[in-house]
Amino acid sequence: MKKIILCVILLTGYVSFANAQAAISSEAVSTVQTANGDYKEVALENLSEVVQEAVKNLAGDSYDIVKIEFNAEEELTKVTLHGRESGETATVILNKEGEKVTE
């Protein structure tokens, strides 16, 4: 009887874990794989207005924009930011709608 109860508990845990993983993976950010050589440095003014606004929002009051690069083939913008207070460097990739994607 103890083994049956233990099996039911383990099975319930397994099903719960599987459902949680499925929910997480369905909400995941789209992943983009590109070669670093595909990006070319551009000025902020040369980007679309949507992407310009997204870059400005990313920088805000906490970051300085170090470099902006654009991949014309995949329409991705790579923004390198430097934290004013923290001193940390961060790189963010945006799609043509100004949404973050992961590399």
N, C-alpha and C. Protein backbone atom coordinates (compact mmCIF):
# COMPACT_ATOMS: atom_id res chain seq x y z
N MET A 1 0.83 -1.19 0.00
CA MET A 1 0.00 0.00 0.00
C MET A 1 0.87 1.26 0.00
N LYS A 2 1.98 1.22 0.78
CA LYS A 2 2.87 2.37 0.83
C LYS A 2 3.51 2.62 -0.53
N LYS A 3 3.83 1.54 -1.24
CA LYS A 3 4.45 1.68 -2.56
C LYS A 3 3.47 2.32 -3.55
N ILE A 4 2.22 1.99 -3.47
CA ILE A 4 1.21 2.56 -4.36
C ILE A 4 1.06 4.05 -4.12
N ILE A 5 0.99 4.43 -2.85
CA ILE A 5 0.88 5.85 -2.49
C ILE A 5 2.12 6.60 -2.95
N LEU A 6 3.28 6.04 -2.75
CA LEU A 6 4.53 6.67 -3.18
C LEU A 6 4.55 6.84 -4.71
N CYS A 7 4.12 5.82 -5.44
CA CYS A 7 4.06 5.90 -6.90
C CYS A 7 3.11 7.00 -7.36
N VAL A 8 1.95 7.11 -6.72
CA VAL A 8 0.98 8.15 -7.07
C VAL A 8 1.57 9.53 -6.82
N ILE A 9 2.26 9.71 -5.71
CA ILE A 9 2.88 11.00 -5.39
C ILE A 9 3.96 11.34 -6.41
N LEU A 10 4.80 10.39 -6.75
CA LEU A 10 5.86 10.62 -7.73
C LEU A 10 5.28 10.93 -9.10
N LEU A 11 4.26 10.22 -9.51
CA LEU A 11 3.63 10.45 -10.80
C LEU A 11 3.00 11.84 -10.85
N THR A 12 2.35 12.25 -9.78
CA THR A 12 1.76 13.59 -9.71
C THR A 12 2.84 14.66 -9.83
N GLY A 13 3.95 14.46 -9.14
CA GLY A 13 5.06 15.40 -9.22
C GLY A 13 5.63 15.48 -10.62
N TYR A 14 5.77 14.34 -11.26
CA TYR A 14 6.31 14.29 -12.63
C TYR A 14 5.39 15.04 -13.60
N VAL A 15 4.10 14.81 -13.50
CA VAL A 15 3.14 15.46 -14.38
C VAL A 15 3.15 16.98 -14.14
N SER A 16 3.21 17.39 -12.89
CA SER A 16 3.27 18.82 -12.58
C SER A 16 4.52 19.45 -13.16
N PHE A 17 5.66 18.79 -13.02
CA PHE A 17 6.92 19.30 -13.55
C PHE A 17 6.86 19.41 -15.07
N ALA A 18 6.31 18.41 -15.74
CA ALA A 18 6.21 18.42 -17.21
C ALA A 18 5.32 19.57 -17.68
N ASN A 19 4.21 19.79 -17.00
CA ASN A 19 3.32 20.89 -17.36
C ASN A 19 3.98 22.24 -17.15
N ALA A 20 4.73 22.38 -16.08
CA ALA A 20 5.43 23.64 -15.82
C ALA A 20 6.48 23.91 -16.90
N GLN A 21 7.22 22.88 -17.30
CA GLN A 21 8.23 23.04 -18.35
C GLN A 21 7.58 23.41 -19.68
N ALA A 22 6.45 22.83 -19.99
CA ALA A 22 5.75 23.14 -21.24
C ALA A 22 5.28 24.59 -21.25
N ALA A 23 4.79 25.07 -20.11
CA ALA A 23 4.33 26.45 -20.02
C ALA A 23 5.49 27.41 -20.17
N ILE A 24 6.61 27.09 -19.57
CA ILE A 24 7.79 27.96 -19.66
C ILE A 24 8.31 28.02 -21.08
N SER A 25 8.39 26.89 -21.74
CA SER A 25 8.95 26.87 -23.09
C SER A 25 8.03 27.57 -24.08
N SER A 26 6.73 27.59 -23.87
CA SER A 26 5.83 28.27 -24.79
C SER A 26 5.93 29.78 -24.67
N GLU A 27 6.42 30.28 -23.53
CA GLU A 27 6.55 31.71 -23.32
C GLU A 27 7.98 32.20 -23.59
N ALA A 28 8.84 31.32 -24.04
CA ALA A 28 10.24 31.67 -24.23
C ALA A 28 10.40 32.70 -25.34
N VAL A 29 11.43 33.51 -25.20
CA VAL A 29 11.76 34.52 -26.21
C VAL A 29 12.36 33.81 -27.42
N SER A 30 12.05 34.30 -28.60
CA SER A 30 12.59 33.66 -29.79
C SER A 30 14.12 33.74 -29.79
N THR A 31 14.73 32.67 -30.22
CA THR A 31 16.18 32.59 -30.24
C THR A 31 16.67 32.78 -31.66
N VAL A 32 17.72 33.61 -31.80
CA VAL A 32 18.27 33.90 -33.11
C VAL A 32 19.74 33.58 -33.07
N GLN A 33 20.21 32.84 -34.08
CA GLN A 33 21.63 32.52 -34.16
C GLN A 33 22.22 33.22 -35.36
N THR A 34 23.21 34.07 -35.11
CA THR A 34 23.87 34.78 -36.19
C THR A 34 25.37 34.77 -35.95
N ALA A 35 26.10 34.99 -37.00
CA ALA A 35 27.56 35.11 -36.88
C ALA A 35 27.88 36.56 -36.56
N ASN A 36 28.88 36.79 -35.71
CA ASN A 36 29.24 38.14 -35.32
C ASN A 36 29.67 38.99 -36.50
N GLY A 37 30.21 38.39 -37.55
CA GLY A 37 30.69 39.14 -38.69
C GLY A 37 29.58 39.74 -39.54
N ASP A 38 28.33 39.37 -39.30
CA ASP A 38 27.22 39.86 -40.09
C ASP A 38 26.75 41.26 -39.69
N TYR A 39 27.22 41.77 -38.59
CA TYR A 39 26.79 43.07 -38.09
C TYR A 39 27.74 44.16 -38.57
N LYS A 40 27.16 45.32 -38.92
CA LYS A 40 27.96 46.49 -39.30
C LYS A 40 27.52 47.67 -38.45
N GLU A 41 28.50 48.46 -38.01
CA GLU A 41 28.20 49.58 -37.14
C GLU A 41 27.39 50.63 -37.89
N VAL A 42 26.37 51.17 -37.22
CA VAL A 42 25.50 52.20 -37.81
C VAL A 42 25.24 53.29 -36.78
N ALA A 43 24.76 54.43 -37.25
CA ALA A 43 24.35 55.52 -36.37
C ALA A 43 22.89 55.31 -35.99
N LEU A 44 22.52 55.77 -34.83
CA LEU A 44 21.15 55.62 -34.33
C LEU A 44 20.15 56.21 -35.32
N GLU A 45 20.50 57.32 -35.93
CA GLU A 45 19.59 58.01 -36.85
C GLU A 45 19.28 57.18 -38.10
N ASN A 46 20.12 56.21 -38.44
CA ASN A 46 19.93 55.40 -39.63
C ASN A 46 18.99 54.21 -39.40
N LEU A 47 18.52 54.03 -38.19
CA LEU A 47 17.61 52.93 -37.87
C LEU A 47 16.17 53.39 -37.99
N SER A 48 15.25 52.44 -38.05
CA SER A 48 13.82 52.80 -38.12
C SER A 48 13.41 53.50 -36.82
N GLU A 49 12.33 54.26 -36.90
CA GLU A 49 11.87 55.01 -35.72
C GLU A 49 11.52 54.09 -34.56
N VAL A 50 10.95 52.93 -34.86
CA VAL A 50 10.56 51.97 -33.82
C VAL A 50 11.80 51.48 -33.08
N VAL A 51 12.84 51.13 -33.83
CA VAL A 51 14.07 50.64 -33.22
C VAL A 51 14.79 51.77 -32.49
N GLN A 52 14.78 52.98 -33.04
CA GLN A 52 15.39 54.12 -32.37
C GLN A 52 14.75 54.33 -31.00
N GLU A 53 13.45 54.29 -30.95
CA GLU A 53 12.72 54.47 -29.68
C GLU A 53 13.06 53.36 -28.69
N ALA A 54 13.14 52.12 -29.18
CA ALA A 54 13.49 50.99 -28.31
C ALA A 54 14.90 51.15 -27.74
N VAL A 55 15.84 51.60 -28.56
CA VAL A 55 17.22 51.81 -28.10
C VAL A 55 17.25 52.91 -27.04
N LYS A 56 16.55 53.99 -27.28
CA LYS A 56 16.51 55.09 -26.31
C LYS A 56 15.89 54.63 -24.99
N ASN A 57 14.85 53.81 -25.07
CA ASN A 57 14.22 53.28 -23.86
C ASN A 57 15.16 52.34 -23.10
N LEU A 58 15.93 51.54 -23.84
CA LEU A 58 16.89 50.64 -23.20
C LEU A 58 17.95 51.43 -22.43
N ALA A 59 18.46 52.46 -23.07
CA ALA A 59 19.51 53.26 -22.44
C ALA A 59 18.97 54.01 -21.23
N GLY A 60 17.86 54.71 -21.42
CA GLY A 60 17.25 55.46 -20.33
C GLY A 60 18.25 56.36 -19.62
N ASP A 61 18.12 56.46 -18.32
CA ASP A 61 19.02 57.28 -17.51
C ASP A 61 20.16 56.47 -16.92
N SER A 62 20.13 55.15 -17.07
CA SER A 62 21.10 54.28 -16.41
C SER A 62 22.25 53.83 -17.29
N TYR A 63 22.10 53.92 -18.61
CA TYR A 63 23.12 53.39 -19.52
C TYR A 63 23.53 54.40 -20.57
N ASP A 64 24.78 54.28 -21.01
CA ASP A 64 25.28 55.00 -22.16
C ASP A 64 25.36 54.02 -23.32
N ILE A 65 25.02 54.49 -24.52
CA ILE A 65 25.12 53.65 -25.70
C ILE A 65 26.56 53.66 -26.17
N VAL A 66 27.19 52.48 -26.19
CA VAL A 66 28.58 52.35 -26.61
C VAL A 66 28.66 52.15 -28.12
N LYS A 67 27.84 51.20 -28.64
CA LYS A 67 27.92 50.86 -30.05
C LYS A 67 26.57 50.32 -30.51
N ILE A 68 26.22 50.66 -31.75
CA ILE A 68 25.01 50.13 -32.37
C ILE A 68 25.44 49.47 -33.68
N GLU A 69 25.04 48.21 -33.85
CA GLU A 69 25.38 47.47 -35.05
C GLU A 69 24.10 46.90 -35.65
N PHE A 70 24.09 46.76 -36.98
CA PHE A 70 22.90 46.29 -37.67
C PHE A 70 23.24 45.14 -38.60
N ASN A 71 22.39 44.12 -38.61
CA ASN A 71 22.50 42.97 -39.51
C ASN A 71 21.38 43.10 -40.52
N ALA A 72 21.71 43.54 -41.74
CA ALA A 72 20.69 43.80 -42.76
C ALA A 72 20.00 42.52 -43.21
N GLU A 73 20.72 41.42 -43.27
CA GLU A 73 20.16 40.15 -43.75
C GLU A 73 19.03 39.66 -42.85
N GLU A 74 19.25 39.73 -41.54
CA GLU A 74 18.25 39.24 -40.59
C GLU A 74 17.46 40.36 -39.92
N GLU A 75 17.75 41.59 -40.28
CA GLU A 75 17.08 42.77 -39.74
C GLU A 75 17.15 42.81 -38.22
N LEU A 76 18.35 42.62 -37.69
CA LEU A 76 18.58 42.66 -36.25
C LEU A 76 19.50 43.82 -35.91
N THR A 77 19.28 44.41 -34.76
CA THR A 77 20.12 45.50 -34.28
C THR A 77 20.75 45.07 -32.96
N LYS A 78 22.08 45.15 -32.90
CA LYS A 78 22.80 44.80 -31.68
C LYS A 78 23.24 46.10 -31.00
N VAL A 79 22.83 46.27 -29.76
CA VAL A 79 23.14 47.49 -29.01
C VAL A 79 24.03 47.12 -27.82
N THR A 80 25.18 47.77 -27.73
CA THR A 80 26.08 47.58 -26.60
C THR A 80 25.92 48.77 -25.67
N LEU A 81 25.61 48.49 -24.41
CA LEU A 81 25.35 49.53 -23.41
C LEU A 81 26.36 49.43 -22.28
N HIS A 82 26.65 50.57 -21.66
CA HIS A 82 27.57 50.62 -20.52
C HIS A 82 26.84 51.29 -19.36
N GLY A 83 26.76 50.59 -18.23
CA GLY A 83 26.07 51.11 -17.05
C GLY A 83 26.81 52.29 -16.45
N ARG A 84 26.11 53.38 -16.24
CA ARG A 84 26.73 54.60 -15.69
C ARG A 84 27.22 54.39 -14.26
N GLU A 85 26.41 53.74 -13.44
CA GLU A 85 26.79 53.54 -12.05
C GLU A 85 27.50 52.22 -11.83
N SER A 86 27.01 51.17 -12.48
CA SER A 86 27.56 49.83 -12.26
C SER A 86 28.85 49.59 -13.02
N GLY A 87 29.02 50.26 -14.15
CA GLY A 87 30.20 50.04 -14.97
C GLY A 87 30.15 48.77 -15.78
N GLU A 88 29.04 48.04 -15.72
CA GLU A 88 28.90 46.80 -16.46
C GLU A 88 28.53 47.08 -17.91
N THR A 89 28.95 46.18 -18.80
CA THR A 89 28.60 46.28 -20.21
C THR A 89 27.57 45.22 -20.54
N ALA A 90 26.53 45.62 -21.27
CA ALA A 90 25.47 44.69 -21.67
C ALA A 90 25.24 44.80 -23.17
N THR A 91 24.91 43.69 -23.79
CA THR A 91 24.59 43.67 -25.20
C THR A 91 23.17 43.15 -25.37
N VAL A 92 22.38 43.89 -26.13
CA VAL A 92 20.99 43.53 -26.36
C VAL A 92 20.76 43.49 -27.87
N ILE A 93 20.01 42.48 -28.32
CA ILE A 93 19.69 42.36 -29.74
C ILE A 93 18.20 42.61 -29.90
N LEU A 94 17.86 43.49 -30.85
CA LEU A 94 16.48 43.85 -31.12
C LEU A 94 16.09 43.43 -32.53
N ASN A 95 14.84 43.02 -32.71
CA ASN A 95 14.36 42.72 -34.05
C ASN A 95 13.84 44.00 -34.68
N LYS A 96 13.26 43.91 -35.88
CA LYS A 96 12.84 45.11 -36.59
C LYS A 96 11.64 45.81 -35.93
N GLU A 97 10.96 45.14 -35.01
CA GLU A 97 9.87 45.75 -34.26
C GLU A 97 10.36 46.38 -32.96
N GLY A 98 11.66 46.29 -32.69
CA GLY A 98 12.22 46.85 -31.47
C GLY A 98 12.08 45.95 -30.27
N GLU A 99 11.76 44.67 -30.47
CA GLU A 99 11.61 43.73 -29.37
C GLU A 99 12.92 42.99 -29.14
N LYS A 100 13.20 42.69 -27.88
CA LYS A 100 14.42 41.96 -27.53
C LYS A 100 14.33 40.53 -28.02
N VAL A 101 15.45 40.02 -28.53
CA VAL A 101 15.60 38.61 -28.86
C VAL A 101 16.88 38.14 -28.22
N THR A 102 17.02 36.82 -28.04
CA THR A 102 18.25 36.30 -27.46
C THR A 102 19.07 35.64 -28.54
N GLU A 103 20.36 35.62 -28.32
CA GLU A 103 21.26 35.04 -29.31
C GLU A 103 21.81 33.75 -28.81
